[in-house]
Amino acid sequence: MKQVTIYQAKTHLSRLIKEALEGEEVIIAKGNQPMVKLVVVPEMRKQRKLGTAPDFIQYMADDFDAPLEEFADYMS
């Protein structure tokens, strides 16, 4: 979360908008008193893109999802 004063917000509005679009929470304060939050309109949020790392998993053991011996006492 980033907090800026009204003066800083006026001076750096473009940068603050860019940061908000990237997911940063921006609070605008009067002195030290938070007043408003700069939020992104839902339609303008970045859309998640699935399948961007198809080769990310290089190896997965055959027993990846097998129960662990250490937890045998907890499983009934």
N, C-alpha and C. Protein backbone atom coordinates (compact mmCIF):
# COMPACT_ATOMS: atom_id res chain seq x y z
N MET A 1 0.85 -1.17 0.00
CA MET A 1 0.00 0.00 0.00
C MET A 1 0.90 1.23 0.00
N LYS A 2 0.55 2.18 -0.80
CA LYS A 2 1.29 3.42 -0.91
C LYS A 2 0.38 4.56 -0.50
N GLN A 3 0.89 5.45 0.34
CA GLN A 3 0.11 6.61 0.75
C GLN A 3 0.84 7.87 0.31
N VAL A 4 0.11 8.76 -0.34
CA VAL A 4 0.68 10.03 -0.80
C VAL A 4 -0.24 11.17 -0.37
N THR A 5 0.33 12.37 -0.33
CA THR A 5 -0.48 13.55 0.01
C THR A 5 -1.23 14.02 -1.23
N ILE A 6 -2.18 14.91 -1.02
CA ILE A 6 -2.95 15.46 -2.14
C ILE A 6 -2.01 16.16 -3.12
N TYR A 7 -1.06 16.93 -2.59
CA TYR A 7 -0.10 17.63 -3.45
C TYR A 7 0.70 16.64 -4.29
N GLN A 8 1.19 15.56 -3.66
CA GLN A 8 1.96 14.55 -4.39
C GLN A 8 1.08 13.88 -5.45
N ALA A 9 -0.19 13.64 -5.12
CA ALA A 9 -1.11 13.02 -6.07
C ALA A 9 -1.33 13.90 -7.29
N LYS A 10 -1.48 15.21 -7.05
CA LYS A 10 -1.65 16.14 -8.19
C LYS A 10 -0.39 16.16 -9.05
N THR A 11 0.76 16.14 -8.40
CA THR A 11 2.02 16.23 -9.12
C THR A 11 2.33 14.95 -9.91
N HIS A 12 1.99 13.80 -9.35
CA HIS A 12 2.39 12.52 -9.94
C HIS A 12 1.19 11.66 -10.31
N LEU A 13 0.11 12.25 -10.73
CA LEU A 13 -1.13 11.51 -10.99
C LEU A 13 -0.93 10.41 -12.03
N SER A 14 -0.24 10.69 -13.13
CA SER A 14 -0.05 9.68 -14.18
C SER A 14 0.68 8.46 -13.64
N ARG A 15 1.72 8.69 -12.84
CA ARG A 15 2.50 7.58 -12.28
C ARG A 15 1.65 6.78 -11.30
N LEU A 16 0.85 7.47 -10.49
CA LEU A 16 -0.01 6.79 -9.52
C LEU A 16 -1.08 5.95 -10.22
N ILE A 17 -1.62 6.46 -11.31
CA ILE A 17 -2.61 5.70 -12.08
C ILE A 17 -1.96 4.43 -12.64
N LYS A 18 -0.75 4.56 -13.17
CA LYS A 18 -0.02 3.40 -13.71
C LYS A 18 0.20 2.37 -12.60
N GLU A 19 0.60 2.82 -11.42
CA GLU A 19 0.83 1.90 -10.31
C GLU A 19 -0.47 1.21 -9.89
N ALA A 20 -1.57 1.94 -9.88
CA ALA A 20 -2.86 1.35 -9.53
C ALA A 20 -3.26 0.29 -10.56
N LEU A 21 -3.02 0.58 -11.83
CA LEU A 21 -3.33 -0.39 -12.89
C LEU A 21 -2.50 -1.65 -12.75
N GLU A 22 -1.30 -1.52 -12.18
CA GLU A 22 -0.42 -2.68 -11.97
C GLU A 22 -0.74 -3.43 -10.69
N GLY A 23 -1.74 -2.96 -9.93
CA GLY A 23 -2.17 -3.67 -8.74
C GLY A 23 -1.79 -3.03 -7.41
N GLU A 24 -1.04 -1.93 -7.45
CA GLU A 24 -0.65 -1.24 -6.22
C GLU A 24 -1.86 -0.51 -5.63
N GLU A 25 -2.02 -0.59 -4.31
CA GLU A 25 -3.10 0.14 -3.64
C GLU A 25 -2.56 1.53 -3.31
N VAL A 26 -3.22 2.58 -3.78
CA VAL A 26 -2.78 3.95 -3.58
C VAL A 26 -3.81 4.70 -2.73
N ILE A 27 -3.35 5.22 -1.60
CA ILE A 27 -4.20 6.00 -0.70
C ILE A 27 -3.76 7.46 -0.79
N ILE A 28 -4.74 8.37 -0.95
CA ILE A 28 -4.44 9.80 -0.99
C ILE A 28 -4.88 10.39 0.34
N ALA A 29 -3.95 11.11 0.97
CA ALA A 29 -4.19 11.62 2.32
C ALA A 29 -4.07 13.13 2.36
N LYS A 30 -4.73 13.71 3.33
CA LYS A 30 -4.60 15.14 3.62
C LYS A 30 -3.75 15.20 4.89
N GLY A 31 -2.49 15.56 4.72
CA GLY A 31 -1.54 15.46 5.83
C GLY A 31 -1.28 14.00 6.08
N ASN A 32 -1.55 13.54 7.30
CA ASN A 32 -1.40 12.11 7.61
C ASN A 32 -2.74 11.39 7.67
N GLN A 33 -3.82 12.09 7.38
CA GLN A 33 -5.17 11.51 7.46
C GLN A 33 -5.58 10.95 6.09
N PRO A 34 -5.69 9.60 5.96
CA PRO A 34 -6.14 9.01 4.68
C PRO A 34 -7.53 9.53 4.32
N MET A 35 -7.71 9.89 3.06
CA MET A 35 -8.99 10.43 2.62
C MET A 35 -9.67 9.55 1.56
N VAL A 36 -8.92 9.17 0.53
CA VAL A 36 -9.51 8.39 -0.56
C VAL A 36 -8.53 7.31 -1.03
N LYS A 37 -9.09 6.32 -1.73
CA LYS A 37 -8.28 5.26 -2.30
C LYS A 37 -8.43 5.32 -3.82
N LEU A 38 -7.31 5.25 -4.52
CA LEU A 38 -7.31 5.21 -5.98
C LEU A 38 -7.47 3.76 -6.40
N VAL A 39 -8.59 3.44 -7.03
CA VAL A 39 -8.87 2.06 -7.45
C VAL A 39 -9.10 1.99 -8.95
N VAL A 40 -8.90 0.79 -9.48
CA VAL A 40 -9.06 0.57 -10.92
C VAL A 40 -10.50 0.15 -11.20
N VAL A 41 -11.08 0.70 -12.25
CA VAL A 41 -12.41 0.29 -12.69
C VAL A 41 -12.29 -1.17 -13.14
N PRO A 42 -13.20 -2.05 -12.68
CA PRO A 42 -13.05 -3.49 -12.97
C PRO A 42 -12.81 -3.83 -14.44
N GLU A 43 -13.43 -3.11 -15.34
CA GLU A 43 -13.26 -3.40 -16.76
C GLU A 43 -11.84 -3.10 -17.26
N MET A 44 -11.10 -2.27 -16.52
CA MET A 44 -9.76 -1.88 -16.95
C MET A 44 -8.65 -2.74 -16.34
N ARG A 45 -9.02 -3.66 -15.45
CA ARG A 45 -8.01 -4.53 -14.85
C ARG A 45 -7.42 -5.44 -15.90
N LYS A 46 -6.17 -5.78 -15.71
CA LYS A 46 -5.52 -6.71 -16.64
C LYS A 46 -6.23 -8.05 -16.57
N GLN A 47 -6.51 -8.60 -17.72
CA GLN A 47 -7.13 -9.91 -17.78
C GLN A 47 -6.05 -10.98 -17.63
N ARG A 48 -6.36 -11.98 -16.81
CA ARG A 48 -5.42 -13.07 -16.64
C ARG A 48 -5.34 -13.87 -17.92
N LYS A 49 -4.13 -14.22 -18.29
CA LYS A 49 -3.92 -14.99 -19.51
C LYS A 49 -3.40 -16.37 -19.12
N LEU A 50 -4.20 -17.37 -19.37
CA LEU A 50 -3.83 -18.73 -19.01
C LEU A 50 -2.93 -19.34 -20.08
N GLY A 51 -2.08 -20.25 -19.65
CA GLY A 51 -1.23 -20.97 -20.59
C GLY A 51 0.01 -20.22 -21.01
N THR A 52 0.45 -19.25 -20.20
CA THR A 52 1.63 -18.46 -20.60
C THR A 52 2.93 -19.14 -20.24
N ALA A 53 2.89 -20.24 -19.47
CA ALA A 53 4.11 -20.95 -19.10
C ALA A 53 3.91 -22.45 -19.29
N PRO A 54 3.68 -22.91 -20.51
CA PRO A 54 3.37 -24.32 -20.72
C PRO A 54 4.51 -25.27 -20.35
N ASP A 55 5.75 -24.81 -20.39
CA ASP A 55 6.89 -25.67 -20.08
C ASP A 55 7.43 -25.41 -18.68
N PHE A 56 6.65 -24.79 -17.82
CA PHE A 56 7.12 -24.43 -16.49
C PHE A 56 7.41 -25.66 -15.64
N ILE A 57 6.52 -26.66 -15.64
CA ILE A 57 6.75 -27.89 -14.89
C ILE A 57 7.56 -28.81 -15.78
N GLN A 58 8.79 -29.08 -15.35
CA GLN A 58 9.67 -29.91 -16.16
C GLN A 58 9.62 -31.37 -15.73
N TYR A 59 9.32 -31.61 -14.44
CA TYR A 59 9.27 -32.98 -13.94
C TYR A 59 8.31 -33.07 -12.77
N MET A 60 7.52 -34.12 -12.74
CA MET A 60 6.65 -34.38 -11.61
C MET A 60 6.70 -35.89 -11.34
N ALA A 61 7.05 -36.24 -10.11
CA ALA A 61 7.16 -37.65 -9.75
C ALA A 61 5.82 -38.36 -9.90
N ASP A 62 5.88 -39.67 -10.19
CA ASP A 62 4.66 -40.45 -10.35
C ASP A 62 3.85 -40.50 -9.06
N ASP A 63 4.53 -40.45 -7.91
CA ASP A 63 3.84 -40.52 -6.63
C ASP A 63 3.63 -39.13 -6.01
N PHE A 64 3.54 -38.12 -6.83
CA PHE A 64 3.40 -36.74 -6.36
C PHE A 64 2.25 -36.57 -5.37
N ASP A 65 1.11 -37.18 -5.66
CA ASP A 65 -0.07 -36.99 -4.81
C ASP A 65 -0.34 -38.17 -3.88
N ALA A 66 0.64 -39.04 -3.70
CA ALA A 66 0.50 -40.17 -2.79
C ALA A 66 0.56 -39.67 -1.34
N PRO A 67 -0.12 -40.33 -0.42
CA PRO A 67 -0.08 -39.92 1.00
C PRO A 67 1.34 -40.02 1.55
N LEU A 68 1.70 -39.09 2.42
CA LEU A 68 3.02 -39.09 3.03
C LEU A 68 3.02 -39.98 4.27
N GLU A 69 4.08 -40.75 4.46
CA GLU A 69 4.18 -41.64 5.62
C GLU A 69 4.12 -40.85 6.93
N GLU A 70 4.67 -39.65 6.94
CA GLU A 70 4.70 -38.84 8.15
C GLU A 70 3.30 -38.50 8.67
N PHE A 71 2.31 -38.53 7.80
CA PHE A 71 0.95 -38.15 8.17
C PHE A 71 0.02 -39.35 8.33
N ALA A 72 0.57 -40.56 8.37
CA ALA A 72 -0.24 -41.78 8.48
C ALA A 72 -1.09 -41.76 9.75
N ASP A 73 -0.55 -41.22 10.86
CA ASP A 73 -1.30 -41.17 12.11
C ASP A 73 -2.54 -40.28 12.02
N TYR A 74 -2.51 -39.32 11.14
CA TYR A 74 -3.61 -38.35 11.02
C TYR A 74 -4.70 -38.81 10.05
N MET A 75 -4.41 -39.81 9.28
CA MET A 75 -5.35 -40.27 8.26
C MET A 75 -6.10 -41.49 8.79
N SER A 76 -7.40 -41.41 8.79
CA SER A 76 -8.18 -42.56 9.23
C SER A 76 -9.37 -42.77 8.38
